Amino acid sequence: MLTENIVTVAGTLHHVQGDKVLENRLGKYVSFAVRQETPWSDGSTRRDFLLMRAYHPELREWVLSREEGTPLRVEGDVRSSLGSGEMYVHVRKIEEI
């Protein structure tokens, strides 16, 4: 059975603390987060930080050239890291909005 695993998320750019460019068996990547703020009915705001990995050189450069808080839209597929099981979006497309 073949399933489609494509997600699109929007929010603001948030750099995850640590090294800027990391590497694993898939190659070099930049790890960052998309910050989303969702208002709740009680007036409070929920803040979510969705983890992303950008492997393609142009996408890595795009992320590194932007400032914290840049509004963006990301398209990719959800993956689970082999070692830790940490969920992230493998970035396929990114644009400033």
PDB file of N, CA and C in Angstrom:
ATOM      1  N   MET A   1       0.849  -1.174   0.000  1.00  0.00           N
ATOM      2  CA  MET A   1       0.000   0.000   0.000  1.00  0.00           C
ATOM      3  C   MET A   1       0.897   1.240   0.000  1.00  0.00           C
ATOM      4  N   LEU A   2       0.679   2.117  -0.933  1.00  0.00           N
ATOM      5  CA  LEU A   2       1.439   3.361  -1.033  1.00  0.00           C
ATOM      6  C   LEU A   2       0.628   4.493  -0.420  1.00  0.00           C
ATOM      7  N   THR A   3       1.258   5.242   0.471  1.00  0.00           N
ATOM      8  CA  THR A   3       0.575   6.378   1.090  1.00  0.00           C
ATOM      9  C   THR A   3       1.306   7.658   0.736  1.00  0.00           C
ATOM     10  N   GLU A   4       0.572   8.742   0.725  1.00  0.00           N
ATOM     11  CA  GLU A   4       1.154  10.044   0.460  1.00  0.00           C
ATOM     12  C   GLU A   4       1.472  10.708   1.793  1.00  0.00           C
ATOM     13  N   ASN A   5       2.650  11.251   1.892  1.00  0.00           N
ATOM     14  CA  ASN A   5       3.125  11.825   3.146  1.00  0.00           C
ATOM     15  C   ASN A   5       3.645  13.234   2.878  1.00  0.00           C
ATOM     16  N   ILE A   6       2.750  14.153   2.577  1.00  0.00           N
ATOM     17  CA  ILE A   6       3.142  15.528   2.280  1.00  0.00           C
ATOM     18  C   ILE A   6       2.429  16.451   3.257  1.00  0.00           C
ATOM     19  N   VAL A   7       3.210  17.359   3.859  1.00  0.00           N
ATOM     20  CA  VAL A   7       2.625  18.339   4.774  1.00  0.00           C
ATOM     21  C   VAL A   7       3.025  19.739   4.332  1.00  0.00           C
ATOM     22  N   THR A   8       2.175  20.690   4.621  1.00  0.00           N
ATOM     23  CA  THR A   8       2.475  22.100   4.412  1.00  0.00           C
ATOM     24  C   THR A   8       2.179  22.809   5.724  1.00  0.00           C
ATOM     25  N   VAL A   9       3.172  23.543   6.225  1.00  0.00           N
ATOM     26  CA  VAL A   9       3.003  24.292   7.469  1.00  0.00           C
ATOM     27  C   VAL A   9       3.464  25.728   7.251  1.00  0.00           C
ATOM     28  N   ALA A  10       2.870  26.625   7.986  1.00  0.00           N
ATOM     29  CA  ALA A  10       3.248  28.036   7.906  1.00  0.00           C
ATOM     30  C   ALA A  10       3.430  28.561   9.316  1.00  0.00           C
ATOM     31  N   GLY A  11       4.289  29.543   9.439  1.00  0.00           N
ATOM     32  CA  GLY A  11       4.565  30.156  10.727  1.00  0.00           C
ATOM     33  C   GLY A  11       5.731  31.100  10.575  1.00  0.00           C
ATOM     34  N   THR A  12       6.559  31.159  11.605  1.00  0.00           N
ATOM     35  CA  THR A  12       7.748  32.000  11.541  1.00  0.00           C
ATOM     36  C   THR A  12       8.992  31.157  11.790  1.00  0.00           C
ATOM     37  N   LEU A  13      10.089  31.599  11.207  1.00  0.00           N
ATOM     38  CA  LEU A  13      11.354  30.894  11.320  1.00  0.00           C
ATOM     39  C   LEU A  13      11.889  30.996  12.741  1.00  0.00           C
ATOM     40  N   HIS A  14      12.281  29.857  13.271  1.00  0.00           N
ATOM     41  CA  HIS A  14      12.873  29.808  14.609  1.00  0.00           C
ATOM     42  C   HIS A  14      14.067  28.870  14.530  1.00  0.00           C
ATOM     43  N   HIS A  15      15.268  29.386  14.822  1.00  0.00           N
ATOM     44  CA  HIS A  15      16.477  28.558  14.760  1.00  0.00           C
ATOM     45  C   HIS A  15      16.605  27.717  16.022  1.00  0.00           C
ATOM     46  N   VAL A  16      16.775  26.437  15.827  1.00  0.00           N
ATOM     47  CA  VAL A  16      17.012  25.542  16.957  1.00  0.00           C
ATOM     48  C   VAL A  16      18.429  25.779  17.463  1.00  0.00           C
ATOM     49  N   GLN A  17      18.617  25.777  18.761  1.00  0.00           N
ATOM     50  CA  GLN A  17      19.943  26.001  19.348  1.00  0.00           C
ATOM     51  C   GLN A  17      20.904  24.882  18.943  1.00  0.00           C
ATOM     52  N   GLY A  18      22.158  25.199  18.800  1.00  0.00           N
ATOM     53  CA  GLY A  18      23.167  24.193  18.473  1.00  0.00           C
ATOM     54  C   GLY A  18      23.887  24.537  17.191  1.00  0.00           C
ATOM     55  N   ASP A  19      24.554  23.547  16.628  1.00  0.00           N
ATOM     56  CA  ASP A  19      25.307  23.745  15.397  1.00  0.00           C
ATOM     57  C   ASP A  19      24.383  24.130  14.251  1.00  0.00           C
ATOM     58  N   LYS A  20      24.872  24.984  13.355  1.00  0.00           N
ATOM     59  CA  LYS A  20      24.068  25.442  12.221  1.00  0.00           C
ATOM     60  C   LYS A  20      23.914  24.364  11.148  1.00  0.00           C
ATOM     61  N   VAL A  21      25.004  23.696  10.784  1.00  0.00           N
ATOM     62  CA  VAL A  21      24.952  22.664   9.750  1.00  0.00           C
ATOM     63  C   VAL A  21      25.382  21.341  10.371  1.00  0.00           C
ATOM     64  N   LEU A  22      24.498  20.358  10.293  1.00  0.00           N
ATOM     65  CA  LEU A  22      24.756  19.034  10.841  1.00  0.00           C
ATOM     66  C   LEU A  22      24.882  18.038   9.692  1.00  0.00           C
ATOM     67  N   GLU A  23      25.225  16.810   9.990  1.00  0.00           N
ATOM     68  CA  GLU A  23      25.353  15.812   8.935  1.00  0.00           C
ATOM     69  C   GLU A  23      24.935  14.447   9.475  1.00  0.00           C
ATOM     70  N   ASN A  24      24.254  13.672   8.614  1.00  0.00           N
ATOM     71  CA  ASN A  24      23.912  12.287   8.932  1.00  0.00           C
ATOM     72  C   ASN A  24      24.039  11.465   7.652  1.00  0.00           C
ATOM     73  N   ARG A  25      23.499  10.264   7.627  1.00  0.00           N
ATOM     74  CA  ARG A  25      23.658   9.389   6.460  1.00  0.00           C
ATOM     75  C   ARG A  25      23.004   9.952   5.198  1.00  0.00           C
ATOM     76  N   LEU A  26      22.063  10.887   5.336  1.00  0.00           N
ATOM     77  CA  LEU A  26      21.415  11.514   4.179  1.00  0.00           C
ATOM     78  C   LEU A  26      22.198  12.713   3.658  1.00  0.00           C
ATOM     79  N   GLY A  27      23.179  13.169   4.426  1.00  0.00           N
ATOM     80  CA  GLY A  27      23.993  14.309   4.008  1.00  0.00           C
ATOM     81  C   GLY A  27      23.947  15.449   4.996  1.00  0.00           C
ATOM     82  N   LYS A  28      24.428  16.603   4.551  1.00  0.00           N
ATOM     83  CA  LYS A  28      24.433  17.803   5.391  1.00  0.00           C
ATOM     84  C   LYS A  28      23.032  18.405   5.415  1.00  0.00           C
ATOM     85  N   TYR A  29      22.674  18.968   6.583  1.00  0.00           N
ATOM     86  CA  TYR A  29      21.367  19.606   6.706  1.00  0.00           C
ATOM     87  C   TYR A  29      21.415  20.722   7.732  1.00  0.00           C
ATOM     88  N   VAL A  30      20.438  21.611   7.626  1.00  0.00           N
ATOM     89  CA  VAL A  30      20.225  22.661   8.620  1.00  0.00           C
ATOM     90  C   VAL A  30      18.950  22.301   9.367  1.00  0.00           C
ATOM     91  N   SER A  31      19.039  22.289  10.675  1.00  0.00           N
ATOM     92  CA  SER A  31      17.893  21.991  11.520  1.00  0.00           C
ATOM     93  C   SER A  31      17.324  23.316  12.036  1.00  0.00           C
ATOM     94  N   PHE A  32      16.021  23.494  11.919  1.00  0.00           N
ATOM     95  CA  PHE A  32      15.365  24.704  12.406  1.00  0.00           C
ATOM     96  C   PHE A  32      13.924  24.358  12.769  1.00  0.00           C
ATOM     97  N   ALA A  33      13.192  25.325  13.244  1.00  0.00           N
ATOM     98  CA  ALA A  33      11.793  25.099  13.602  1.00  0.00           C
ATOM     99  C   ALA A  33      10.913  26.147  12.950  1.00  0.00           C
ATOM    100  N   VAL A  34       9.668  25.765  12.744  1.00  0.00           N
ATOM    101  CA  VAL A  34       8.629  26.711  12.354  1.00  0.00           C
ATOM    102  C   VAL A  34       7.786  26.939  13.612  1.00  0.00           C
ATOM    103  N   ARG A  35       7.742  28.181  14.038  1.00  0.00           N
ATOM    104  CA  ARG A  35       6.968  28.548  15.232  1.00  0.00           C
ATOM    105  C   ARG A  35       5.557  28.907  14.804  1.00  0.00           C
ATOM    106  N   GLN A  36       4.588  28.288  15.469  1.00  0.00           N
ATOM    107  CA  GLN A  36       3.181  28.603  15.219  1.00  0.00           C
ATOM    108  C   GLN A  36       2.545  29.059  16.516  1.00  0.00           C
ATOM    109  N   GLU A  37       1.717  30.077  16.411  1.00  0.00           N
ATOM    110  CA  GLU A  37       0.979  30.568  17.574  1.00  0.00           C
ATOM    111  C   GLU A  37      -0.510  30.427  17.287  1.00  0.00           C
ATOM    112  N   THR A  38      -1.186  29.650  18.127  1.00  0.00           N
ATOM    113  CA  THR A  38      -2.602  29.377  17.937  1.00  0.00           C
ATOM    114  C   THR A  38      -3.387  29.943  19.112  1.00  0.00           C
ATOM    115  N   PRO A  39      -4.308  30.899  18.838  1.00  0.00           N
ATOM    116  CA  PRO A  39      -5.125  31.438  19.932  1.00  0.00           C
ATOM    117  C   PRO A  39      -6.155  30.405  20.409  1.00  0.00           C
ATOM    118  N   TRP A  40      -6.303  30.305  21.715  1.00  0.00           N
ATOM    119  CA  TRP A  40      -7.288  29.399  22.298  1.00  0.00           C
ATOM    120  C   TRP A  40      -8.505  30.204  22.725  1.00  0.00           C
ATOM    121  N   SER A  41      -9.604  29.511  22.950  1.00  0.00           N
ATOM    122  CA  SER A  41     -10.872  30.175  23.276  1.00  0.00           C
ATOM    123  C   SER A  41     -10.814  30.924  24.603  1.00  0.00           C
ATOM    124  N   ASP A  42      -9.904  30.543  25.515  1.00  0.00           N
ATOM    125  CA  ASP A  42      -9.804  31.232  26.805  1.00  0.00           C
ATOM    126  C   ASP A  42      -8.941  32.490  26.731  1.00  0.00           C
ATOM    127  N   GLY A  43      -8.485  32.834  25.517  1.00  0.00           N
ATOM    128  CA  GLY A  43      -7.677  34.032  25.336  1.00  0.00           C
ATOM    129  C   GLY A  43      -6.170  33.790  25.388  1.00  0.00           C
ATOM    130  N   SER A  44      -5.781  32.601  25.791  1.00  0.00           N
ATOM    131  CA  SER A  44      -4.349  32.289  25.832  1.00  0.00           C
ATOM    132  C   SER A  44      -3.869  31.879  24.434  1.00  0.00           C
ATOM    133  N   THR A  45      -2.560  31.736  24.289  1.00  0.00           N
ATOM    134  CA  THR A  45      -1.971  31.370  23.013  1.00  0.00           C
ATOM    135  C   THR A  45      -1.109  30.136  23.185  1.00  0.00           C
ATOM    136  N   ARG A  46      -1.334  29.168  22.329  1.00  0.00           N
ATOM    137  CA  ARG A  46      -0.490  27.964  22.328  1.00  0.00           C
ATOM    138  C   ARG A  46       0.645  28.189  21.342  1.00  0.00           C
ATOM    139  N   ARG A  47       1.877  27.923  21.772  1.00  0.00           N
ATOM    140  CA  ARG A  47       3.043  28.054  20.902  1.00  0.00           C
ATOM    141  C   ARG A  47       3.591  26.665  20.599  1.00  0.00           C
ATOM    142  N   ASP A  48       3.662  26.337  19.323  1.00  0.00           N
ATOM    143  CA  ASP A  48       4.230  25.072  18.884  1.00  0.00           C
ATOM    144  C   ASP A  48       5.474  25.341  18.063  1.00  0.00           C
ATOM    145  N   PHE A  49       6.463  24.483  18.189  1.00  0.00           N
ATOM    146  CA  PHE A  49       7.704  24.574  17.433  1.00  0.00           C
ATOM    147  C   PHE A  49       7.856  23.271  16.666  1.00  0.00           C
ATOM    148  N   LEU A  50       7.614  23.337  15.354  1.00  0.00           N
ATOM    149  CA  LEU A  50       7.653  22.151  14.503  1.00  0.00           C
ATOM    150  C   LEU A  50       9.049  22.017  13.901  1.00  0.00           C
ATOM    151  N   LEU A  51       9.703  20.902  14.161  1.00  0.00           N
ATOM    152  CA  LEU A  51      11.082  20.708  13.736  1.00  0.00           C
ATOM    153  C   LEU A  51      11.185  20.419  12.247  1.00  0.00           C
ATOM    154  N   MET A  52      12.197  21.008  11.618  1.00  0.00           N
ATOM    155  CA  MET A  52      12.438  20.891  10.179  1.00  0.00           C
ATOM    156  C   MET A  52      13.894  20.522   9.942  1.00  0.00           C
ATOM    157  N   ARG A  53      14.143  19.858   8.800  1.00  0.00           N
ATOM    158  CA  ARG A  53      15.512  19.627   8.333  1.00  0.00           C
ATOM    159  C   ARG A  53      15.556  19.948   6.846  1.00  0.00           C
ATOM    160  N   ALA A  54      16.474  20.825   6.481  1.00  0.00           N
ATOM    161  CA  ALA A  54      16.659  21.206   5.079  1.00  0.00           C
ATOM    162  C   ALA A  54      17.978  20.604   4.601  1.00  0.00           C
ATOM    163  N   TYR A  55      17.897  19.650   3.651  1.00  0.00           N
ATOM    164  CA  TYR A  55      19.087  18.962   3.141  1.00  0.00           C
ATOM    165  C   TYR A  55      19.626  19.595   1.861  1.00  0.00           C
ATOM    166  N   HIS A  56      18.760  20.012   0.978  1.00  0.00           N
ATOM    167  CA  HIS A  56      19.212  20.541  -0.307  1.00  0.00           C
ATOM    168  C   HIS A  56      20.031  21.813  -0.072  1.00  0.00           C
ATOM    169  N   PRO A  57      21.196  21.954  -0.764  1.00  0.00           N
ATOM    170  CA  PRO A  57      22.068  23.124  -0.531  1.00  0.00           C
ATOM    171  C   PRO A  57      21.356  24.472  -0.671  1.00  0.00           C
ATOM    172  N   GLU A  58      20.476  24.623  -1.657  1.00  0.00           N
ATOM    173  CA  GLU A  58      19.763  25.894  -1.831  1.00  0.00           C
ATOM    174  C   GLU A  58      18.820  26.156  -0.671  1.00  0.00           C
ATOM    175  N   LEU A  59      18.180  25.116  -0.157  1.00  0.00           N
ATOM    176  CA  LEU A  59      17.270  25.283   0.974  1.00  0.00           C
ATOM    177  C   LEU A  59      18.045  25.601   2.247  1.00  0.00           C
ATOM    178  N   ARG A  60      19.201  24.951   2.424  1.00  0.00           N
ATOM    179  CA  ARG A  60      20.045  25.265   3.590  1.00  0.00           C
ATOM    180  C   ARG A  60      20.459  26.726   3.565  1.00  0.00           C
ATOM    181  N   GLU A  61      20.904  27.195   2.422  1.00  0.00           N
ATOM    182  CA  GLU A  61      21.328  28.591   2.294  1.00  0.00           C
ATOM    183  C   GLU A  61      20.164  29.545   2.525  1.00  0.00           C
ATOM    184  N   TRP A  62      18.981  29.196   2.025  1.00  0.00           N
ATOM    185  CA  TRP A  62      17.789  30.025   2.210  1.00  0.00           C
ATOM    186  C   TRP A  62      17.539  30.224   3.702  1.00  0.00           C
ATOM    187  N   VAL A  63      17.548  29.123   4.453  1.00  0.00           N
ATOM    188  CA  VAL A  63      17.287  29.198   5.900  1.00  0.00           C
ATOM    189  C   VAL A  63      18.352  30.034   6.597  1.00  0.00           C
ATOM    190  N   LEU A  64      19.610  29.785   6.285  1.00  0.00           N
ATOM    191  CA  LEU A  64      20.700  30.488   6.957  1.00  0.00           C
ATOM    192  C   LEU A  64      20.766  31.979   6.612  1.00  0.00           C
ATOM    193  N   SER A  65      20.154  32.357   5.490  1.00  0.00           N
ATOM    194  CA  SER A  65      20.193  33.766   5.081  1.00  0.00           C
ATOM    195  C   SER A  65      19.027  34.582   5.641  1.00  0.00           C
ATOM    196  N   ARG A  66      18.084  33.930   6.324  1.00  0.00           N
ATOM    197  CA  ARG A  66      16.925  34.635   6.870  1.00  0.00           C
ATOM    198  C   ARG A  66      17.099  34.887   8.352  1.00  0.00           C
ATOM    199  N   GLU A  67      16.333  35.864   8.842  1.00  0.00           N
ATOM    200  CA  GLU A  67      16.387  36.226  10.254  1.00  0.00           C
ATOM    201  C   GLU A  67      15.294  35.518  11.037  1.00  0.00           C
ATOM    202  N   GLU A  68      15.559  35.390  12.315  1.00  0.00           N
ATOM    203  CA  GLU A  68      14.567  34.844  13.237  1.00  0.00           C
ATOM    204  C   GLU A  68      13.255  35.603  13.072  1.00  0.00           C
ATOM    205  N   GLY A  69      12.142  34.888  13.016  1.00  0.00           N
ATOM    206  CA  GLY A  69      10.835  35.533  12.912  1.00  0.00           C
ATOM    207  C   GLY A  69      10.351  35.756  11.486  1.00  0.00           C
ATOM    208  N   THR A  70      11.139  35.376  10.485  1.00  0.00           N
ATOM    209  CA  THR A  70      10.710  35.524   9.090  1.00  0.00           C
ATOM    210  C   THR A  70       9.477  34.660   8.846  1.00  0.00           C
ATOM    211  N   PRO A  71       8.379  35.246   8.328  1.00  0.00           N
ATOM    212  CA  PRO A  71       7.202  34.435   8.020  1.00  0.00           C
ATOM    213  C   PRO A  71       7.492  33.525   6.821  1.00  0.00           C
ATOM    214  N   LEU A  72       7.105  32.250   6.955  1.00  0.00           N
ATOM    215  CA  LEU A  72       7.425  31.304   5.896  1.00  0.00           C
ATOM    216  C   LEU A  72       6.376  30.209   5.767  1.00  0.00           C
ATOM    217  N   ARG A  73       6.448  29.522   4.635  1.00  0.00           N
ATOM    218  CA  ARG A  73       5.622  28.346   4.372  1.00  0.00           C
ATOM    219  C   ARG A  73       6.572  27.240   3.941  1.00  0.00           C
ATOM    220  N   VAL A  74       6.419  26.059   4.520  1.00  0.00           N
ATOM    221  CA  VAL A  74       7.290  24.922   4.241  1.00  0.00           C
ATOM    222  C   VAL A  74       6.447  23.745   3.770  1.00  0.00           C
ATOM    223  N   GLU A  75       6.938  23.082   2.728  1.00  0.00           N
ATOM    224  CA  GLU A  75       6.319  21.846   2.263  1.00  0.00           C
ATOM    225  C   GLU A  75       7.356  20.743   2.357  1.00  0.00           C
ATOM    226  N   GLY A  76       6.928  19.579   2.816  1.00  0.00           N
ATOM    227  CA  GLY A  76       7.850  18.458   2.935  1.00  0.00           C
ATOM    228  C   GLY A  76       7.124  17.203   3.355  1.00  0.00           C
ATOM    229  N   ASP A  77       7.894  16.227   3.809  1.00  0.00           N
ATOM    230  CA  ASP A  77       7.290  14.991   4.281  1.00  0.00           C
ATOM    231  C   ASP A  77       7.758  14.719   5.703  1.00  0.00           C
ATOM    232  N   VAL A  78       6.884  14.117   6.495  1.00  0.00           N
ATOM    233  CA  VAL A  78       7.171  13.847   7.898  1.00  0.00           C
ATOM    234  C   VAL A  78       8.048  12.603   7.985  1.00  0.00           C
ATOM    235  N   ARG A  79       9.109  12.719   8.770  1.00  0.00           N
ATOM    236  CA  ARG A  79      10.043  11.613   8.959  1.00  0.00           C
ATOM    237  C   ARG A  79      10.283  11.410  10.446  1.00  0.00           C
ATOM    238  N   SER A  80      10.857  10.270  10.750  1.00  0.00           N
ATOM    239  CA  SER A  80      11.279   9.950  12.102  1.00  0.00           C
ATOM    240  C   SER A  80      12.760   9.623  12.058  1.00  0.00           C
ATOM    241  N   SER A  81      13.547  10.281  12.905  1.00  0.00           N
ATOM    242  CA  SER A  81      14.981  10.049  12.957  1.00  0.00           C
ATOM    243  C   SER A  81      15.260   8.606  13.370  1.00  0.00           C
ATOM    244  N   LEU A  82      16.182   7.945  12.666  1.00  0.00           N
ATOM    245  CA  LEU A  82      16.484   6.542  12.956  1.00  0.00           C
ATOM    246  C   LEU A  82      16.988   6.325  14.375  1.00  0.00           C
ATOM    247  N   GLY A  83      17.858   7.182  14.847  1.00  0.00           N
ATOM    248  CA  GLY A  83      18.431   6.984  16.181  1.00  0.00           C
ATOM    249  C   GLY A  83      17.492   7.329  17.312  1.00  0.00           C
ATOM    250  N   SER A  84      16.937   8.528  17.268  1.00  0.00           N
ATOM    251  CA  SER A  84      16.144   9.025  18.397  1.00  0.00           C
ATOM    252  C   SER A  84      14.640   8.840  18.230  1.00  0.00           C
ATOM    253  N   GLY A  85      14.196   8.650  16.999  1.00  0.00           N
ATOM    254  CA  GLY A  85      12.758   8.579  16.752  1.00  0.00           C
ATOM    255  C   GLY A  85      12.100   9.941  16.730  1.00  0.00           C
ATOM    256  N   GLU A  86      12.902  11.012  16.818  1.00  0.00           N
ATOM    257  CA  GLU A  86      12.390  12.378  16.807  1.00  0.00           C
ATOM    258  C   GLU A  86      11.699  12.660  15.470  1.00  0.00           C
ATOM    259  N   MET A  87      10.502  13.210  15.526  1.00  0.00           N
ATOM    260  CA  MET A  87       9.744  13.538  14.320  1.00  0.00           C
ATOM    261  C   MET A  87      10.183  14.899  13.789  1.00  0.00           C
ATOM    262  N   TYR A  88      10.285  14.996  12.464  1.00  0.00           N
ATOM    263  CA  TYR A  88      10.641  16.246  11.819  1.00  0.00           C
ATOM    264  C   TYR A  88      10.064  16.262  10.415  1.00  0.00           C
ATOM    265  N   VAL A  89      10.057  17.441   9.800  1.00  0.00           N
ATOM    266  CA  VAL A  89       9.641  17.583   8.408  1.00  0.00           C
ATOM    267  C   VAL A  89      10.896  17.675   7.545  1.00  0.00           C
ATOM    268  N   HIS A  90      11.017  16.772   6.584  1.00  0.00           N
ATOM    269  CA  HIS A  90      12.109  16.808   5.598  1.00  0.00           C
ATOM    270  C   HIS A  90      11.673  17.828   4.541  1.00  0.00           C
ATOM    271  N   VAL A  91      12.301  18.995   4.554  1.00  0.00           N
ATOM    272  CA  VAL A  91      11.882  20.131   3.735  1.00  0.00           C
ATOM    273  C   VAL A  91      12.137  19.853   2.249  1.00  0.00           C
ATOM    274  N   ARG A  92      11.111  20.051   1.432  1.00  0.00           N
ATOM    275  CA  ARG A  92      11.218  19.911  -0.020  1.00  0.00           C
ATOM    276  C   ARG A  92      11.080  21.270  -0.719  1.00  0.00           C
ATOM    277  N   LYS A  93      10.331  22.166  -0.064  1.00  0.00           N
ATOM    278  CA  LYS A  93      10.087  23.500  -0.647  1.00  0.00           C
ATOM    279  C   LYS A  93       9.895  24.467   0.512  1.00  0.00           C
ATOM    280  N   ILE A  94      10.406  25.688   0.321  1.00  0.00           N
ATOM    281  CA  ILE A  94      10.263  26.702   1.362  1.00  0.00           C
ATOM    282  C   ILE A  94      10.118  28.056   0.685  1.00  0.00           C
ATOM    283  N   GLU A  95       9.243  28.894   1.255  1.00  0.00           N
ATOM    284  CA  GLU A  95       9.062  30.234   0.692  1.00  0.00           C
ATOM    285  C   GLU A  95       8.704  31.224   1.794  1.00  0.00           C
ATOM    286  N   GLU A  96       9.133  32.445   1.588  1.00  0.00           N
ATOM    287  CA  GLU A  96       8.783  33.533   2.493  1.00  0.00           C
ATOM    288  C   GLU A  96       7.389  34.002   2.149  1.00  0.00           C
ATOM    289  N   ILE A  97       6.585  34.285   3.169  1.00  0.00           N
ATOM    290  CA  ILE A  97       5.211  34.753   2.916  1.00  0.00           C
ATOM    291  C   ILE A  97       4.994  36.106   3.573  1.00  0.00           C
TER     292      ILE A  97
END
